[in-house]
């Protein structure tokens, strides 16, 4: 047991930033744990509330008071860590440099090449990202792991991908998945549900939302009003199942982009944060999504029109499914683990 390797994760979740950072870190932690690594999460008080799966996981937790959550971590009770994983937009070079005294190696998970980092590995799963974009932002010897082939998805997505049959992706829209992130503070979910109703499509609808969403009660009431074909899933752990069963998704362009692609699921996608714009544009250029624009531009009528247009064109739907499946195969965790074998 003395040879057991130790990895520490520093990430946060909240109703404002969502759960994507914790989600991908937890996926990596579970995979490392299966390989006998010891895993510790350092996060804010809000993180466990916003992402309940973290509290249920069998990993060590160090909770930082919210007022101290961005302070340097200099000395911690676990001693040295073989690997520190940082997935946090508010923590960069200075924080990473301060942790060098106890972290033997540092992996940064990033989405935009706009900040300087002191790390040994940098993972950016954005489609079309190039090494040149990180010149000057990381040490010259940093291992850059770029593109959706490194997307950190749970193993059940690659299993679900293998189970997708050709008959499931033939362009007919029978079931729609609405998933705008766990918190969806702007309540895009309600706009999407009203658009489906306005479009008059004879479909079943699965709605995914987190239990801490500020708009949960509004969405609950709307789902109840729309009837039995609409089903609300709160804090679901079955996203791969729901995505596999759907014919079309309405969603944002964060982590779920790669989940959708891994099971060849076409989507109408909306941008809800600045770091999602390149993802949305790249997926649109690839032909994997219909890009509905920024959330501020979204309306019931616009979304309803897009739905009607897609429902009338099986060929476009089939093409989107094919293109989406080419983007991500769900094997990103395994590829990253191979990069970390020498630690």
Protein backbone atom coordinates (compact mmCIF):
# COMPACT_ATOMS: atom_id res chain seq x y z
CA UNK A 1 0.00 0.00 0.00
CA UNK A 2 2.98 2.31 0.52
CA UNK A 3 3.47 2.41 -3.25
CA UNK A 4 -0.08 3.65 -3.84
CA UNK A 5 -0.06 6.80 -5.94
CA UNK A 6 -1.96 9.87 -4.83
CA UNK A 7 -3.82 12.37 -7.00
CA UNK A 8 -5.37 15.62 -5.76
CA UNK A 9 -8.12 17.44 -7.67
CA UNK A 10 -8.82 21.15 -7.32
CA UNK A 11 -12.12 22.09 -8.95
CA UNK A 12 -15.38 23.78 -7.99
CA UNK A 13 -19.05 23.66 -8.94
CA UNK A 14 -21.92 26.05 -8.28
CA UNK A 15 -25.29 27.12 -9.64
CA UNK A 16 -23.48 29.82 -11.63
CA UNK A 17 -20.53 27.90 -13.11
CA UNK A 18 -22.31 24.55 -13.35
CA UNK A 19 -20.84 21.15 -12.63
CA UNK A 20 -18.67 20.51 -15.69
CA UNK A 21 -15.33 21.00 -13.92
CA UNK A 22 -16.20 18.58 -11.12
CA UNK A 23 -17.83 16.16 -13.55
CA UNK A 24 -14.77 15.58 -15.70
CA UNK A 25 -12.46 15.48 -12.68
CA UNK A 26 -14.69 12.90 -11.00
CA UNK A 27 -14.64 10.79 -14.16
CA UNK A 28 -10.84 10.82 -14.13
CA UNK A 29 -10.73 10.16 -10.38
CA UNK A 30 -12.95 7.10 -10.69
CA UNK A 31 -10.76 5.72 -13.47
CA UNK A 32 -7.58 6.29 -11.44
CA UNK A 33 -9.19 4.77 -8.35
CA UNK A 34 -9.86 1.60 -10.34
CA UNK A 35 -6.11 1.50 -10.94
CA UNK A 36 -5.41 1.78 -7.19
CA UNK A 37 -4.72 5.50 -7.02
CA UNK A 38 -5.79 7.37 -3.90
CA UNK A 39 -7.93 10.39 -4.82
CA UNK A 40 -8.53 13.60 -2.86
CA UNK A 41 -10.80 16.47 -3.92
CA UNK A 42 -10.26 20.02 -2.69
CA UNK A 43 -13.35 22.13 -3.34
CA UNK A 44 -15.57 24.88 -2.02
CA UNK A 45 -18.52 24.35 0.29
CA UNK A 46 -20.90 25.02 -2.59
CA UNK A 47 -19.41 22.32 -4.79
CA UNK A 48 -20.86 19.31 -2.99
CA UNK A 49 -24.28 20.96 -2.91
CA UNK A 50 -24.15 21.81 -6.61
CA UNK A 51 -22.77 18.41 -7.63
CA UNK A 52 -24.18 15.74 -5.27
CA UNK A 53 -22.33 12.89 -7.00
CA UNK A 54 -19.07 14.22 -5.55
CA UNK A 55 -20.29 13.75 -1.98
CA UNK A 56 -21.44 10.22 -2.80
CA UNK A 57 -18.13 9.21 -4.37
CA UNK A 58 -15.65 7.22 -2.31
CA UNK A 59 -12.87 9.80 -2.48
CA UNK A 60 -11.39 12.00 0.23
CA UNK A 61 -12.79 15.53 0.47
CA UNK A 62 -11.15 18.68 1.77
CA UNK A 63 -13.75 21.46 1.96
CA UNK A 64 -12.56 25.04 1.71
CA UNK A 65 -14.71 27.82 3.17
CA UNK A 66 -16.11 29.82 0.28
CA UNK A 67 -14.34 32.97 1.43
CA UNK A 68 -10.97 31.17 1.29
CA UNK A 69 -11.46 29.01 -1.77
CA UNK A 70 -8.99 30.90 -3.98
CA UNK A 71 -6.18 31.16 -1.44
CA UNK A 72 -2.92 29.32 -2.17
CA UNK A 73 -2.76 25.73 -0.94
CA UNK A 74 0.70 25.54 0.56
CA UNK A 75 0.71 22.68 3.06
CA UNK A 76 -1.93 19.98 3.39
CA UNK A 77 -2.20 16.97 5.70
CA UNK A 78 -1.72 14.36 2.98
CA UNK A 79 1.92 15.23 2.30
CA UNK A 80 3.24 14.81 -1.23
CA UNK A 81 0.94 14.14 -4.18
CA UNK A 82 2.09 12.34 -7.30
CA UNK A 83 -0.31 14.40 -9.40
CA UNK A 84 -2.34 17.56 -8.92
CA UNK A 85 -5.23 18.11 -11.34
CA UNK A 86 -6.51 21.71 -11.58
CA UNK A 87 -9.74 22.41 -13.44
CA UNK A 88 -10.61 25.97 -12.46
CA UNK A 89 -10.93 29.22 -14.42
CA UNK A 90 -9.94 31.40 -11.46
CA UNK A 91 -6.72 29.57 -10.61
CA UNK A 92 -3.66 29.89 -12.84
CA UNK A 93 0.09 30.31 -12.90
CA UNK A 94 0.70 31.69 -9.40
CA UNK A 95 -1.52 29.10 -7.75
CA UNK A 96 0.15 26.29 -9.69
CA UNK A 97 3.62 27.56 -8.81
CA UNK A 98 2.72 27.66 -5.11
CA UNK A 99 1.63 24.01 -5.15
CA UNK A 100 4.90 22.76 -6.66
CA UNK A 101 6.27 22.20 -3.15
CA UNK A 102 3.90 19.24 -2.63
CA UNK A 103 2.75 18.27 -6.14
CA UNK A 104 5.24 16.19 -8.10
CA UNK A 105 3.38 16.77 -11.38
CA UNK A 106 0.55 19.10 -12.40
CA UNK A 107 -2.18 18.50 -14.95
CA UNK A 108 -4.26 21.53 -15.93
CA UNK A 109 -7.62 21.05 -17.63
CA UNK A 110 -8.32 24.15 -19.71
CA UNK A 111 -10.80 25.28 -22.37
CA UNK A 112 -9.27 28.49 -23.73
CA UNK A 113 -5.62 29.44 -24.46
CA UNK A 114 -5.79 32.81 -22.73
CA UNK A 115 -3.97 32.27 -19.41
CA UNK A 116 -0.43 31.41 -18.37
CA UNK A 117 0.11 28.05 -16.61
CA UNK A 118 2.91 26.27 -14.76
CA UNK A 119 2.06 22.64 -15.54
CA UNK A 120 3.50 19.39 -16.84
CA UNK A 121 0.38 18.35 -18.73
CA UNK A 122 -2.39 20.47 -20.21
CA UNK A 123 -5.61 18.96 -21.51
CA UNK A 124 -7.94 21.03 -23.71
CA UNK A 125 -10.67 18.94 -25.31
CA UNK A 126 -11.87 21.72 -27.65
CA UNK A 127 -12.41 20.64 -31.25
CA UNK A 128 -9.78 22.16 -33.54
CA UNK A 129 -7.44 23.31 -30.78
CA UNK A 130 -3.76 23.48 -31.90
CA UNK A 131 -0.44 23.41 -30.05
CA UNK A 132 0.47 26.81 -31.51
CA UNK A 133 -2.37 28.44 -29.58
CA UNK A 134 -0.65 27.58 -26.29
CA UNK A 135 2.77 28.96 -27.23
CA UNK A 136 3.83 31.35 -24.49
CA UNK A 137 1.14 30.16 -22.10
CA UNK A 138 2.84 26.95 -20.88
CA UNK A 139 6.46 25.79 -20.37
CA UNK A 140 8.05 24.48 -23.54
CA UNK A 141 8.21 20.92 -22.18
CA UNK A 142 4.51 20.75 -21.23
CA UNK A 143 2.71 17.75 -22.74
CA UNK A 144 -0.28 19.17 -24.65
CA UNK A 145 -3.26 16.83 -24.92
CA UNK A 146 -5.64 18.53 -27.33
CA UNK A 147 -8.98 17.80 -28.93
CA UNK A 148 -12.11 15.74 -28.19
CA UNK A 149 -10.13 12.51 -28.39
CA UNK A 150 -9.05 13.42 -24.83
CA UNK A 151 -12.58 14.31 -23.64
CA UNK A 152 -13.03 12.92 -20.14
CA UNK A 153 -16.23 10.90 -20.45
CA UNK A 154 -17.48 8.12 -18.23
CA UNK A 155 -16.89 4.63 -19.58
CA UNK A 156 -20.60 4.07 -20.06
CA UNK A 157 -20.53 6.46 -23.03
CA UNK A 158 -18.10 4.29 -24.98
CA UNK A 159 -20.24 1.27 -24.05
CA UNK A 160 -23.37 3.11 -25.20
CA UNK A 161 -21.63 4.06 -28.44
CA UNK A 162 -21.04 0.40 -29.23
CA UNK A 163 -24.72 -0.31 -28.60
CA UNK A 164 -26.07 2.33 -30.98
CA UNK A 165 -27.67 0.67 -34.01
CA UNK A 166 -28.08 2.14 -37.47
CA UNK A 167 -31.83 2.05 -37.06
CA UNK A 168 -31.57 4.48 -34.13
CA UNK A 169 -29.93 7.20 -36.20
CA UNK A 170 -32.03 7.28 -39.37
CA UNK A 171 -33.18 10.87 -39.04
CA UNK A 172 -36.65 10.47 -37.55
CA UNK A 173 -37.34 12.58 -34.45
CA UNK A 174 -39.33 10.55 -31.95
CA UNK A 175 -37.62 11.55 -28.70
CA UNK A 176 -35.91 14.81 -27.75
CA UNK A 177 -33.48 15.32 -24.88
CA UNK A 178 -33.40 18.78 -23.29
CA UNK A 179 -30.26 19.27 -21.20
CA UNK A 180 -28.84 22.78 -20.71
CA UNK A 181 -26.49 21.96 -17.84
CA UNK A 182 -27.20 21.05 -14.25
CA UNK A 183 -28.01 24.55 -13.00
CA UNK A 184 -29.32 26.36 -16.09
CA UNK A 185 -29.60 29.71 -14.22
CA UNK A 186 -30.98 31.45 -17.32
CA UNK A 187 -33.84 28.91 -17.60
CA UNK A 188 -33.20 28.04 -21.23
CA UNK A 189 -34.87 24.72 -20.40
CA UNK A 190 -38.29 26.38 -20.24
CA UNK A 191 -37.71 28.12 -23.57
CA UNK A 192 -36.80 24.78 -25.15
CA UNK A 193 -39.88 23.03 -23.74
CA UNK A 194 -42.22 25.75 -24.94
CA UNK A 195 -40.57 25.62 -28.38
CA UNK A 196 -41.15 21.87 -28.66
CA UNK A 197 -44.79 22.39 -27.75
CA UNK A 198 -45.11 25.28 -30.21
CA UNK A 199 -43.55 23.21 -33.00
CA UNK A 200 -46.37 20.69 -32.61
CA UNK A 201 -44.11 17.65 -32.94
CA UNK A 202 -45.45 14.27 -31.82
CA UNK A 203 -42.46 13.37 -29.67
CA UNK A 204 -41.47 12.21 -26.21
CA UNK A 205 -39.23 14.58 -24.26
CA UNK A 206 -36.67 13.82 -21.55
CA UNK A 207 -35.69 16.87 -19.49
CA UNK A 208 -32.49 16.88 -17.39
CA UNK A 209 -31.87 19.38 -14.59
CA UNK A 210 -29.89 19.54 -11.36
CA UNK A 211 -31.58 19.51 -7.99
CA UNK A 212 -29.94 22.84 -7.07
CA UNK A 213 -31.14 24.67 -10.18
CA UNK A 214 -32.75 27.99 -9.23
CA UNK A 215 -35.47 27.29 -11.82
CA UNK A 216 -36.32 23.73 -10.82
CA UNK A 217 -39.81 24.57 -9.55
CA UNK A 218 -40.62 26.48 -12.76
CA UNK A 219 -39.49 23.56 -14.93
CA UNK A 220 -41.38 21.06 -12.78
CA UNK A 221 -44.60 23.01 -13.22
CA UNK A 222 -44.09 23.35 -16.97
CA UNK A 223 -43.37 19.63 -17.43
CA UNK A 224 -46.51 18.78 -15.48
CA UNK A 225 -48.53 21.19 -17.64
CA UNK A 226 -47.21 19.78 -20.93
CA UNK A 227 -48.31 16.25 -20.12
CA UNK A 228 -47.26 12.63 -19.90
CA UNK A 229 -44.88 12.69 -22.87
CA UNK A 230 -42.57 15.02 -20.95
CA UNK A 231 -40.43 13.47 -18.22
CA UNK A 232 -38.14 15.35 -15.81
CA UNK A 233 -34.90 13.71 -14.59
CA UNK A 234 -33.30 15.43 -11.57
CA UNK A 235 -29.58 14.84 -10.85
CA UNK A 236 -29.60 11.88 -13.20
CA UNK A 237 -26.67 9.48 -13.40
CA UNK A 238 -28.02 7.95 -16.63
CA UNK A 239 -27.01 10.55 -19.21
CA UNK A 240 -25.53 7.95 -21.56
CA UNK A 241 -28.83 6.04 -21.50
CA UNK A 242 -30.90 9.17 -22.12
CA UNK A 243 -28.63 10.32 -24.93
CA UNK A 244 -28.65 6.91 -26.57
CA UNK A 245 -32.45 6.83 -26.50
CA UNK A 246 -32.86 10.34 -27.93
CA UNK A 247 -32.98 11.26 -31.61
CA UNK A 248 -32.20 14.94 -31.07
CA UNK A 249 -30.85 17.02 -28.19
CA UNK A 250 -31.31 20.65 -27.28
CA UNK A 251 -28.33 21.67 -25.19
CA UNK A 252 -25.39 23.91 -24.46
CA UNK A 253 -21.83 23.61 -25.77
CA UNK A 254 -19.94 22.56 -22.66
CA UNK A 255 -18.89 19.06 -21.54
CA UNK A 256 -22.13 17.54 -22.82
CA UNK A 257 -21.04 18.37 -26.38
CA UNK A 258 -18.58 15.49 -26.30
CA UNK A 259 -21.06 13.21 -24.56
CA UNK A 260 -23.57 13.82 -27.34
CA UNK A 261 -20.96 13.27 -30.03
CA UNK A 262 -19.78 10.01 -28.49
CA UNK A 263 -23.23 8.50 -29.08
CA UNK A 264 -23.75 10.23 -32.46
CA UNK A 265 -26.58 12.41 -31.15
CA UNK A 266 -27.49 15.43 -33.32
CA UNK A 267 -28.21 18.64 -31.44
CA UNK A 268 -29.57 22.13 -31.58
CA UNK A 269 -26.95 23.91 -29.50
CA UNK A 270 -26.87 27.26 -27.76
CA UNK A 271 -23.92 29.12 -26.22
CA UNK A 272 -24.38 30.01 -22.55
CA UNK A 273 -20.76 31.06 -21.74
CA UNK A 274 -17.91 32.75 -23.59
CA UNK A 275 -15.71 29.65 -23.56
CA UNK A 276 -18.37 27.73 -25.52
CA UNK A 277 -18.33 29.88 -28.66
CA UNK A 278 -15.39 28.18 -30.36
CA UNK A 279 -16.84 24.76 -29.53
CA UNK A 280 -20.18 25.75 -31.02
CA UNK A 281 -18.63 27.18 -34.17
CA UNK A 282 -16.33 24.18 -34.66
CA UNK A 283 -19.17 21.69 -34.21
CA UNK A 284 -21.34 23.73 -36.57
CA UNK A 285 -18.57 23.83 -39.19
CA UNK A 286 -18.21 20.08 -38.78
CA UNK A 287 -21.95 19.63 -39.39
CA UNK A 288 -22.57 17.96 -36.01
CA UNK A 289 -24.98 20.56 -34.62
CA UNK A 290 -27.38 23.29 -35.61
CA UNK A 291 -25.95 26.37 -33.90
CA UNK A 292 -28.82 28.43 -32.47
CA UNK A 293 -26.55 31.28 -31.35
CA UNK A 294 -26.07 32.94 -27.99
CA UNK A 295 -28.63 32.35 -25.25
CA UNK A 296 -29.50 36.04 -25.32
CA UNK A 297 -30.70 35.63 -28.91
CA UNK A 298 -32.77 32.51 -28.30
CA UNK A 299 -36.56 32.66 -28.53
CA UNK A 300 -39.41 30.17 -28.55
CA UNK A 301 -40.25 31.01 -32.15
CA UNK A 302 -36.66 30.63 -33.39
CA UNK A 303 -36.18 27.32 -31.67
CA UNK A 304 -39.59 26.03 -32.83
CA UNK A 305 -38.67 26.85 -36.44
CA UNK A 306 -35.37 24.98 -36.15
CA UNK A 307 -37.21 21.97 -34.75
CA UNK A 308 -39.75 21.97 -37.57
CA UNK A 309 -36.99 22.30 -40.18
CA UNK A 310 -35.06 19.34 -38.76
CA UNK A 311 -38.17 17.21 -38.40
CA UNK A 312 -38.81 17.67 -42.13
CA UNK A 313 -35.30 16.62 -43.23
CA UNK A 314 -34.16 13.13 -42.31
CA UNK A 315 -31.08 13.50 -44.52
CA UNK A 316 -29.82 16.47 -42.52
CA UNK A 317 -30.46 14.59 -39.27
CA UNK A 318 -28.63 11.50 -40.54
CA UNK A 319 -25.69 13.62 -41.68
CA UNK A 320 -25.50 15.40 -38.31
CA UNK A 321 -25.45 12.07 -36.52
CA UNK A 322 -22.62 10.78 -38.71
CA UNK A 323 -20.58 13.95 -38.26
CA UNK A 324 -21.12 14.00 -34.51
CA UNK A 325 -19.92 10.42 -34.18
CA UNK A 326 -16.68 11.34 -35.94
CA UNK A 327 -15.85 14.01 -33.36
CA UNK A 328 -15.47 11.90 -30.20
CA UNK A 329 -15.27 8.16 -29.52
CA UNK A 330 -15.50 8.28 -25.70
CA UNK A 331 -11.98 6.90 -25.15
CA UNK A 332 -10.40 10.10 -23.80
CA UNK A 333 -9.84 8.83 -20.26
CA UNK A 334 -7.93 5.79 -21.51
CA UNK A 335 -5.75 7.99 -23.72
CA UNK A 336 -4.97 10.30 -20.80
CA UNK A 337 -4.16 7.37 -18.52
CA UNK A 338 -1.60 6.13 -21.05
CA UNK A 339 0.04 9.57 -20.94
CA UNK A 340 0.23 9.38 -17.13
CA UNK A 341 1.73 5.87 -16.89
CA UNK A 342 5.23 7.11 -16.06
CA UNK A 343 4.19 9.13 -13.00
